[in-house]
Protein backbone atom coordinates (compact mmCIF):
# COMPACT_ATOMS: atom_id res chain seq x y z
CA MET A 1 -108.51 -142.07 -94.55
CA ASP A 2 -107.10 -144.54 -97.02
CA LYS A 3 -108.93 -147.94 -96.56
CA LYS A 4 -105.54 -149.70 -96.56
CA ILE A 5 -104.14 -147.56 -93.75
CA ALA A 6 -107.49 -147.89 -91.86
CA THR A 7 -107.39 -151.83 -92.30
CA THR A 8 -103.76 -151.87 -91.18
CA LEU A 9 -104.53 -149.79 -88.07
CA SER A 10 -107.35 -152.13 -87.25
CA TYR A 11 -104.95 -155.19 -87.28
CA LEU A 12 -102.08 -153.53 -85.50
CA PHE A 13 -104.38 -152.50 -82.57
CA HIS A 14 -106.47 -155.50 -82.18
CA PRO A 15 -108.74 -155.24 -79.31
CA LEU A 16 -107.35 -158.58 -77.95
CA LEU A 17 -103.96 -156.95 -77.74
CA MET A 18 -105.10 -153.92 -75.57
CA PRO A 19 -105.02 -155.70 -72.13
CA SER A 20 -101.24 -156.71 -72.79
CA LEU A 21 -100.64 -153.23 -73.98
CA SER A 22 -101.90 -151.73 -70.79
CA PHE A 23 -100.03 -154.02 -68.63
CA LEU A 24 -96.96 -153.53 -70.60
CA ILE A 25 -97.19 -149.80 -70.01
CA VAL A 26 -98.03 -149.90 -66.39
CA LEU A 27 -95.50 -152.65 -65.43
CA PHE A 28 -92.53 -151.03 -67.18
CA LEU A 29 -93.31 -147.34 -67.66
CA ALA A 30 -95.59 -146.15 -64.81
CA ASP A 31 -94.05 -145.10 -61.53
CA ALA A 32 -96.80 -146.83 -59.69
CA SER A 33 -94.81 -148.17 -56.65
CA LEU A 34 -95.10 -151.84 -57.89
CA ALA A 35 -92.64 -153.94 -55.71
CA LEU A 36 -91.96 -156.46 -58.48
CA SER A 37 -88.65 -157.54 -59.92
CA PHE A 38 -88.19 -157.50 -63.66
CA ASN A 39 -88.71 -161.22 -63.88
CA GLU A 40 -92.03 -161.10 -61.84
CA LYS A 41 -93.12 -158.22 -64.18
CA THR A 42 -92.36 -160.30 -67.13
CA ARG A 43 -94.17 -163.34 -65.83
CA VAL A 44 -97.26 -161.30 -65.02
CA LEU A 45 -97.19 -159.85 -68.63
CA ILE A 46 -96.67 -163.39 -70.14
CA LEU A 47 -99.78 -164.58 -68.04
CA ILE A 48 -101.97 -161.67 -69.33
CA PHE A 49 -100.84 -162.18 -72.91
CA LEU A 50 -101.64 -165.82 -72.79
CA GLY A 51 -105.00 -165.55 -71.18
CA THR A 52 -106.36 -162.34 -72.93
CA PHE A 53 -104.81 -162.82 -76.48
CA ILE A 54 -103.49 -166.17 -77.36
CA PHE A 55 -105.85 -168.35 -75.79
CA PRO A 56 -108.99 -166.44 -76.90
CA ALA A 57 -107.74 -165.87 -80.48
CA LEU A 58 -107.00 -169.58 -80.75
CA SER A 59 -110.26 -170.63 -79.64
CA LEU A 60 -112.18 -168.20 -82.01
CA LEU A 61 -110.01 -169.31 -84.87
CA LEU A 62 -110.99 -172.92 -84.01
CA ILE A 63 -114.64 -171.85 -83.95
CA TYR A 64 -114.42 -170.34 -87.39
CA ALA A 65 -112.49 -173.40 -88.78
CA SER A 66 -115.34 -175.66 -87.44
CA SER A 67 -117.68 -173.78 -89.61
CA LEU A 68 -119.79 -172.38 -86.67
CA SER A 69 -119.17 -169.16 -88.53
CA GLN A 70 -118.84 -169.02 -92.36
CA ASN A 71 -115.95 -166.53 -92.50
CA LEU A 72 -113.99 -164.08 -90.43
CA LYS A 73 -116.04 -161.25 -91.39
CA ILE A 74 -119.09 -161.04 -89.04
CA ASP A 75 -121.92 -159.02 -90.53
CA SER A 76 -124.90 -159.89 -88.22
CA ARG A 77 -125.07 -158.30 -84.85
CA PHE A 78 -126.30 -161.58 -83.34
CA GLU A 79 -123.45 -163.67 -85.16
CA LYS A 80 -121.02 -161.22 -83.32
CA LEU A 81 -122.55 -162.01 -79.96
CA PHE A 82 -121.13 -165.54 -79.83
CA PRO A 83 -117.43 -164.52 -80.08
CA PHE A 84 -118.10 -161.65 -77.46
CA VAL A 85 -119.56 -164.12 -75.11
CA MET A 86 -116.56 -166.45 -75.72
CA VAL A 87 -113.95 -163.72 -74.92
CA THR A 88 -115.99 -162.60 -71.88
CA ILE A 89 -115.91 -166.04 -70.51
CA PHE A 90 -111.94 -166.37 -71.09
CA TYR A 91 -111.36 -162.70 -69.50
CA THR A 92 -113.58 -163.83 -66.39
CA MET A 93 -111.41 -166.95 -66.10
CA VAL A 94 -108.10 -165.03 -66.29
CA THR A 95 -109.51 -162.30 -63.98
CA TYR A 96 -110.26 -165.05 -61.24
CA THR A 97 -106.88 -166.70 -61.71
CA PHE A 98 -105.13 -163.30 -61.47
CA VAL A 99 -106.92 -161.89 -58.42
CA GLU A 100 -107.65 -165.00 -56.24
CA LYS A 101 -104.42 -167.14 -57.30
CA GLN A 102 -101.71 -164.52 -58.07
CA GLY A 103 -102.69 -161.53 -55.81
CA VAL A 104 -99.98 -159.37 -57.13
CA SER A 105 -101.31 -155.94 -56.36
CA ASN A 106 -104.39 -154.12 -56.03
CA LEU A 107 -103.56 -151.89 -59.01
CA LEU A 108 -102.90 -154.69 -61.36
CA ASN A 109 -106.09 -156.60 -59.91
CA SER A 110 -108.05 -153.50 -60.71
CA MET A 111 -106.91 -153.40 -64.16
CA ILE A 112 -107.81 -156.83 -65.04
CA ILE A 113 -111.32 -156.35 -63.41
CA GLY A 114 -111.93 -153.10 -65.21
CA ILE A 115 -110.82 -154.74 -68.66
CA THR A 116 -113.13 -157.78 -67.95
CA PHE A 117 -116.12 -155.58 -67.12
CA THR A 118 -115.46 -153.54 -70.20
CA VAL A 119 -115.67 -156.78 -72.25
CA ALA A 120 -118.83 -157.88 -70.44
CA PHE A 121 -120.45 -154.48 -71.04
CA SER A 122 -119.30 -154.40 -74.59
CA THR A 123 -121.14 -157.97 -74.88
CA MET A 124 -124.39 -156.72 -73.51
CA LEU A 125 -124.36 -153.56 -75.42
CA SER A 126 -123.71 -155.53 -78.88
CA ILE A 127 -127.13 -156.92 -78.51
CA PHE A 128 -128.52 -153.49 -79.18
CA TYR A 129 -125.71 -151.58 -80.99
CA ASN A 130 -122.84 -152.22 -83.19
CA ILE A 131 -120.26 -151.58 -80.63
CA SER A 132 -116.61 -150.88 -81.91
CA ILE A 133 -114.39 -153.11 -79.99
CA HIS A 134 -111.43 -151.61 -81.41
CA VAL A 135 -112.36 -148.08 -80.01
CA SER A 136 -113.49 -149.76 -76.67
CA GLY A 137 -110.05 -151.46 -76.51
CA ILE A 138 -107.88 -148.28 -76.98
CA PHE A 139 -110.11 -146.09 -74.84
CA GLY A 140 -110.13 -148.72 -72.14
CA VAL A 141 -106.42 -148.45 -71.92
CA LEU A 142 -106.64 -144.59 -71.78
CA GLY A 143 -109.05 -144.98 -68.78
CA ILE A 144 -106.64 -146.97 -66.83
CA LEU A 145 -103.71 -144.58 -67.58
CA PHE A 146 -105.73 -141.50 -66.70
CA ALA A 147 -106.80 -143.24 -63.34
CA ILE A 148 -103.21 -144.24 -62.50
CA ASN A 149 -101.93 -140.72 -63.52
CA ILE A 150 -104.19 -139.22 -60.78
CA PHE A 151 -102.71 -140.97 -57.89
CA THR A 152 -99.08 -140.86 -58.96
CA ASP A 153 -96.79 -137.96 -59.13
CA SER A 154 -94.80 -139.50 -62.04
CA HIS A 155 -94.88 -137.96 -65.49
CA ASN A 156 -93.94 -141.27 -67.09
CA LEU A 157 -97.37 -141.83 -68.41
CA LEU A 158 -97.60 -138.49 -70.37
CA TYR A 159 -96.19 -139.64 -73.68
CA PRO A 160 -97.93 -142.93 -73.60
CA ILE A 161 -101.40 -141.20 -72.90
CA LEU A 162 -100.69 -138.67 -75.80
CA ALA A 163 -99.70 -141.49 -78.26
CA LEU A 164 -102.77 -143.37 -77.32
CA ILE A 165 -104.96 -140.35 -77.70
CA ILE A 166 -103.58 -140.02 -81.21
CA VAL A 167 -104.06 -143.77 -81.88
CA GLY A 168 -107.71 -143.69 -80.46
CA GLY A 169 -108.53 -140.89 -82.86
CA SER A 170 -106.97 -142.57 -85.71
CA LEU A 171 -108.66 -145.89 -84.98
CA ALA A 172 -112.06 -144.19 -84.58
CA SER A 173 -111.47 -142.49 -87.94
CA ALA A 174 -110.43 -145.85 -89.48
CA ARG A 175 -113.68 -147.47 -88.29
CA LEU A 176 -115.64 -144.61 -89.87
CA SER A 177 -113.69 -144.87 -92.90
CA LEU A 178 -114.30 -148.65 -93.25
CA GLN A 179 -117.89 -147.93 -92.61
CA HIS A 180 -118.00 -150.52 -89.71
CA ASN A 181 -119.41 -148.08 -87.25
CA ASP A 182 -121.19 -144.74 -87.36
CA PRO A 183 -120.35 -141.73 -85.01
CA LYS A 184 -122.80 -142.63 -82.24
CA GLU A 185 -121.47 -146.04 -82.06
CA ILE A 186 -117.92 -144.84 -81.77
CA PHE A 187 -118.76 -142.37 -79.27
CA LEU A 188 -120.65 -144.95 -77.27
CA SER A 189 -117.85 -147.54 -77.34
CA GLY A 190 -115.27 -145.02 -76.31
CA VAL A 191 -117.08 -143.48 -73.39
CA MET A 192 -118.19 -146.80 -72.08
CA ALA A 193 -114.78 -148.33 -72.06
CA PHE A 194 -113.03 -145.28 -70.71
CA SER A 195 -115.55 -144.74 -67.90
CA VAL A 196 -115.68 -148.50 -66.84
CA CYS A 197 -111.76 -148.87 -66.71
CA PHE A 198 -111.03 -145.36 -65.29
CA LEU A 199 -113.62 -146.14 -62.33
CA SER A 200 -112.46 -149.62 -61.81
CA VAL A 201 -108.88 -148.31 -61.09
CA TYR A 202 -109.93 -145.18 -59.42
CA ILE A 203 -112.26 -146.90 -57.00
CA LEU A 204 -110.44 -150.27 -56.27
CA VAL A 205 -106.95 -149.02 -55.98
């Protein structure tokens, strides 16, 4: 794969955007019997976007700007651990707020719980492996959609699932092309994220 295309894919499907993408698809495309108005769905999506993308991204940028890390390219596995921990803390806070304070539905609660567990497992695995958070992100979304598709009769998720399978394969190829991960790391990242998110939704709903 051309390196410019690979880099563009990595930016377009940034892992911090994956929670928002999963909620966008489920809230507005899935026939999951969510008794929410359009305005309520929009508020939920805004909360998820702020808590899982805007606030963590701004915090990490501030960390980089304050010279705790020398640049945006993190080469050392242990240097990568600190941002992982920061994002895990943010996602845990969002999950607590979402589940305890909002209490929208079991389905949406299970989604954010699965996403947070995926981030936590990625953080732990990053101590030993060079985890691909891009692959984890997209396959986590797939795990959520596959689980929802099992207990709903709607076919609305067919096209999003097919599209994300293509994107997931392209992202995996991109990470390999850029030599950021090897095949074993790609496989481990994808299987872990898919399994955690799938089981979280399948068991908790």
